[in-house]
Each structure stands twice: as structure tokens, then as C-alpha cells.
Amino acid sequence: MIGTAEAMNLGVRLGLDPKVLASIVNTSSGRCWSSDTANPVPDVIATAPSTNSYNDGFKSRLMLKDLGLVSNAAKDSKTPLMLGALAENIYRHLSNDATLAEKDFSVVYQWLSGKRP
């Protein structure tokens, strides 16, 4: 989700229409659940939590919890988890805001872009 949010944020800041960008991503190797089902940009996917003010969906605080569980498993098994650690840190910062912590984890798009839902 973070990767999709970053890509969409970059494209929008470069002046691309988010629906056009999503259609390009979804017909290329970038296609994934985060881009074609739960796109983090509001109004790109009618049924995505982002289109419903990031309500419903999987809460950011729960993503942080799950990333913490993965982090602990990685530490216990002495497995490097550099991207996982970065994702955990991002959701920790995001979840420091009580409102964002209760929103769908795709709200990371709003957090990265400096906007509020």
C-alpha cells in the first residue's frame, strides 16, 4: 500500500489524472490489490475505503500491530526485514494521530501527501 500510495502521490504531483494513472498502473507490472481494488486515492475506485473518507477497511493501527508481529518474528529468526521495518515506522508515525490510526491503512496516501481526509 505504501508503494502504491507513493507512486500515486508522485503522479498526481506531476499533474497526472489519478484515474488515468491507475489505469496505466493496472495494465502494467505495477498492478496489485492496492492499485486495482483498494486504490488509496479518493474517487479512483468507487468501492475503495479512500472513496469513503478512508472509513471501513483495515485500520492503520491494526496494520501497525501486524507489522510489529512480523518485526518480532524477523528478530526471533534473525531475518533482515529492511522494508518491513520502514513500513512499520511509517505506520507508527501515521498511527500517532488518533484519527488516522482509526482510518483504513490506505490513508497513508493522505499522510504522505500532507493532506487530511
C-alpha atoms as a PDB file:
ATOM      1  CA  MET A   1       0.000   0.000   0.000  1.00  0.00           C
ATOM      2  CA  ILE A   2       2.820   2.401   0.784  1.00  0.00           C
ATOM      3  CA  GLY A   3       4.413   1.808  -2.620  1.00  0.00           C
ATOM      4  CA  THR A   4       1.117   2.393  -4.410  1.00  0.00           C
ATOM      5  CA  ALA A   5       0.447   5.498  -2.310  1.00  0.00           C
ATOM      6  CA  GLU A   6       3.894   6.897  -3.114  1.00  0.00           C
ATOM      7  CA  ALA A   7       3.517   6.204  -6.836  1.00  0.00           C
ATOM      8  CA  MET A   8       0.058   7.764  -6.969  1.00  0.00           C
ATOM      9  CA  ASN A   9       1.212  10.786  -4.942  1.00  0.00           C
ATOM     10  CA  LEU A  10       4.147  11.329  -7.306  1.00  0.00           C
ATOM     11  CA  GLY A  11       1.962  11.017 -10.393  1.00  0.00           C
ATOM     12  CA  VAL A  12      -0.668  13.406  -9.046  1.00  0.00           C
ATOM     13  CA  ARG A  13       2.007  15.945  -8.072  1.00  0.00           C
ATOM     14  CA  LEU A  14       3.405  15.687 -11.589  1.00  0.00           C
ATOM     15  CA  GLY A  15      -0.018  16.598 -12.939  1.00  0.00           C
ATOM     16  CA  LEU A  16      -1.389  13.195 -13.931  1.00  0.00           C
ATOM     17  CA  ASP A  17      -5.066  12.454 -13.503  1.00  0.00           C
ATOM     18  CA  PRO A  18      -5.220   9.765 -10.782  1.00  0.00           C
ATOM     19  CA  LYS A  19      -7.769   7.678 -12.696  1.00  0.00           C
ATOM     20  CA  VAL A  20      -5.601   7.696 -15.816  1.00  0.00           C
ATOM     21  CA  LEU A  21      -2.508   6.863 -13.764  1.00  0.00           C
ATOM     22  CA  ALA A  22      -4.326   3.995 -12.050  1.00  0.00           C
ATOM     23  CA  SER A  23      -5.435   2.602 -15.415  1.00  0.00           C
ATOM     24  CA  ILE A  24      -1.829   2.696 -16.651  1.00  0.00           C
ATOM     25  CA  VAL A  25      -0.542   1.009 -13.494  1.00  0.00           C
ATOM     26  CA  ASN A  26      -3.302  -1.598 -13.671  1.00  0.00           C
ATOM     27  CA  THR A  27      -2.386  -2.607 -17.218  1.00  0.00           C
ATOM     28  CA  SER A  28       1.312  -2.986 -16.379  1.00  0.00           C
ATOM     29  CA  SER A  29       3.568  -4.804 -13.944  1.00  0.00           C
ATOM     30  CA  GLY A  30       2.528  -2.369 -11.189  1.00  0.00           C
ATOM     31  CA  ARG A  31      -0.935  -3.897 -10.933  1.00  0.00           C
ATOM     32  CA  CYS A  32      -1.721  -5.171  -7.463  1.00  0.00           C
ATOM     33  CA  TRP A  33      -4.576  -5.270  -4.953  1.00  0.00           C
ATOM     34  CA  SER A  34      -3.572  -1.843  -3.649  1.00  0.00           C
ATOM     35  CA  SER A  35      -3.907  -0.300  -7.096  1.00  0.00           C
ATOM     36  CA  ASP A  36      -6.891  -2.097  -8.638  1.00  0.00           C
ATOM     37  CA  THR A  37      -9.132  -2.826  -5.644  1.00  0.00           C
ATOM     38  CA  ALA A  38      -8.211  -0.525  -2.758  1.00  0.00           C
ATOM     39  CA  ASN A  39      -6.570   2.383  -4.549  1.00  0.00           C
ATOM     40  CA  PRO A  40      -5.549   4.927  -1.900  1.00  0.00           C
ATOM     41  CA  VAL A  41      -6.601   7.955  -3.961  1.00  0.00           C
ATOM     42  CA  PRO A  42     -10.206   9.010  -3.333  1.00  0.00           C
ATOM     43  CA  ASP A  43     -12.650   8.501  -6.217  1.00  0.00           C
ATOM     44  CA  VAL A  44     -10.356   6.279  -8.304  1.00  0.00           C
ATOM     45  CA  ILE A  45     -12.121   3.054  -7.241  1.00  0.00           C
ATOM     46  CA  ALA A  46     -15.757   3.560  -6.215  1.00  0.00           C
ATOM     47  CA  THR A  47     -15.702   0.767  -3.617  1.00  0.00           C
ATOM     48  CA  ALA A  48     -12.311   1.569  -2.063  1.00  0.00           C
ATOM     49  CA  PRO A  49     -12.156   2.881   1.520  1.00  0.00           C
ATOM     50  CA  SER A  50     -10.400   6.010   0.204  1.00  0.00           C
ATOM     51  CA  THR A  51     -13.586   6.973  -1.630  1.00  0.00           C
ATOM     52  CA  ASN A  52     -15.467   6.682   1.670  1.00  0.00           C
ATOM     53  CA  SER A  53     -13.171   9.075   3.595  1.00  0.00           C
ATOM     54  CA  TYR A  54     -10.967   6.070   4.482  1.00  0.00           C
ATOM     55  CA  ASN A  55     -13.717   4.611   6.622  1.00  0.00           C
ATOM     56  CA  ASP A  56     -14.253   0.871   6.770  1.00  0.00           C
ATOM     57  CA  GLY A  57     -11.393  -1.330   5.659  1.00  0.00           C
ATOM     58  CA  PHE A  58      -8.381  -2.403   7.702  1.00  0.00           C
ATOM     59  CA  LYS A  59      -7.461   0.190  10.319  1.00  0.00           C
ATOM     60  CA  SER A  60      -3.988   1.703  10.295  1.00  0.00           C
ATOM     61  CA  ARG A  61      -3.444   0.852  13.944  1.00  0.00           C
ATOM     62  CA  LEU A  62      -4.107  -2.808  13.112  1.00  0.00           C
ATOM     63  CA  MET A  63      -1.583  -2.643  10.274  1.00  0.00           C
ATOM     64  CA  LEU A  64       0.936  -1.271  12.773  1.00  0.00           C
ATOM     65  CA  LYS A  65       0.145  -4.135  15.150  1.00  0.00           C
ATOM     66  CA  ASP A  66       0.604  -6.728  12.413  1.00  0.00           C
ATOM     67  CA  LEU A  67       3.840  -5.150  11.239  1.00  0.00           C
ATOM     68  CA  GLY A  68       5.052  -5.323  14.847  1.00  0.00           C
ATOM     69  CA  LEU A  69       4.277  -9.047  14.935  1.00  0.00           C
ATOM     70  CA  VAL A  70       6.219  -9.552  11.717  1.00  0.00           C
ATOM     71  CA  SER A  71       9.091  -7.491  13.097  1.00  0.00           C
ATOM     72  CA  ASN A  72       9.239  -9.649  16.225  1.00  0.00           C
ATOM     73  CA  ALA A  73       9.209 -12.846  14.140  1.00  0.00           C
ATOM     74  CA  ALA A  74      12.035 -11.461  12.000  1.00  0.00           C
ATOM     75  CA  LYS A  75      14.094 -10.575  15.073  1.00  0.00           C
ATOM     76  CA  ASP A  76      13.499 -14.008  16.602  1.00  0.00           C
ATOM     77  CA  SER A  77      14.639 -15.719  13.402  1.00  0.00           C
ATOM     78  CA  LYS A  78      17.476 -13.241  12.778  1.00  0.00           C
ATOM     79  CA  THR A  79      15.957 -12.378   9.407  1.00  0.00           C
ATOM     80  CA  PRO A  80      16.656  -8.928   7.956  1.00  0.00           C
ATOM     81  CA  LEU A  81      13.466  -7.029   7.252  1.00  0.00           C
ATOM     82  CA  MET A  82      14.553  -3.631   5.983  1.00  0.00           C
ATOM     83  CA  LEU A  83      11.412  -2.743   4.014  1.00  0.00           C
ATOM     84  CA  GLY A  84       9.177  -4.208   6.708  1.00  0.00           C
ATOM     85  CA  ALA A  85      10.924  -2.093   9.334  1.00  0.00           C
ATOM     86  CA  LEU A  86      10.447   1.006   7.201  1.00  0.00           C
ATOM     87  CA  ALA A  87       6.750   0.192   6.718  1.00  0.00           C
ATOM     88  CA  GLU A  88       6.357  -0.321  10.468  1.00  0.00           C
ATOM     89  CA  ASN A  89       7.994   3.039  11.120  1.00  0.00           C
ATOM     90  CA  ILE A  90       5.707   4.775   8.610  1.00  0.00           C
ATOM     91  CA  TYR A  91       2.572   3.273  10.179  1.00  0.00           C
ATOM     92  CA  ARG A  92       3.898   4.125  13.655  1.00  0.00           C
ATOM     93  CA  HIS A  93       4.179   7.789  12.650  1.00  0.00           C
ATOM     94  CA  LEU A  94       0.781   7.700  10.970  1.00  0.00           C
ATOM     95  CA  SER A  95      -0.832   5.990  13.962  1.00  0.00           C
ATOM     96  CA  ASN A  96       0.456   8.685  16.310  1.00  0.00           C
ATOM     97  CA  ASP A  97      -2.517  10.652  15.019  1.00  0.00           C
ATOM     98  CA  ALA A  98      -5.539   9.136  16.763  1.00  0.00           C
ATOM     99  CA  THR A  99      -7.855   9.967  13.872  1.00  0.00           C
ATOM    100  CA  LEU A 100      -5.613   8.442  11.204  1.00  0.00           C
ATOM    101  CA  ALA A 101      -4.995   5.374  13.365  1.00  0.00           C
ATOM    102  CA  GLU A 102      -8.703   4.537  13.070  1.00  0.00           C
ATOM    103  CA  LYS A 103      -8.841   5.039   9.282  1.00  0.00           C
ATOM    104  CA  ASP A 104      -8.182   2.392   6.637  1.00  0.00           C
ATOM    105  CA  PHE A 105      -4.462   1.818   6.152  1.00  0.00           C
ATOM    106  CA  SER A 106      -4.689   3.293   2.655  1.00  0.00           C
ATOM    107  CA  VAL A 107      -4.890   6.680   4.415  1.00  0.00           C
ATOM    108  CA  VAL A 108      -1.104   6.543   4.187  1.00  0.00           C
ATOM    109  CA  TYR A 109      -1.641   8.273   0.807  1.00  0.00           C
ATOM    110  CA  GLN A 110      -3.127  11.299   2.583  1.00  0.00           C
ATOM    111  CA  TRP A 111      -0.390  11.227   5.225  1.00  0.00           C
ATOM    112  CA  LEU A 112       2.384  11.094   2.590  1.00  0.00           C
ATOM    113  CA  SER A 113       0.794  13.864   0.536  1.00  0.00           C
ATOM    114  CA  GLY A 114       0.330  16.125   3.562  1.00  0.00           C
ATOM    115  CA  LYS A 115      -3.463  16.126   3.193  1.00  0.00           C
ATOM    116  CA  ARG A 116      -6.066  15.189   5.741  1.00  0.00           C
ATOM    117  CA  PRO A 117      -9.097  13.031   4.963  1.00  0.00           C
END
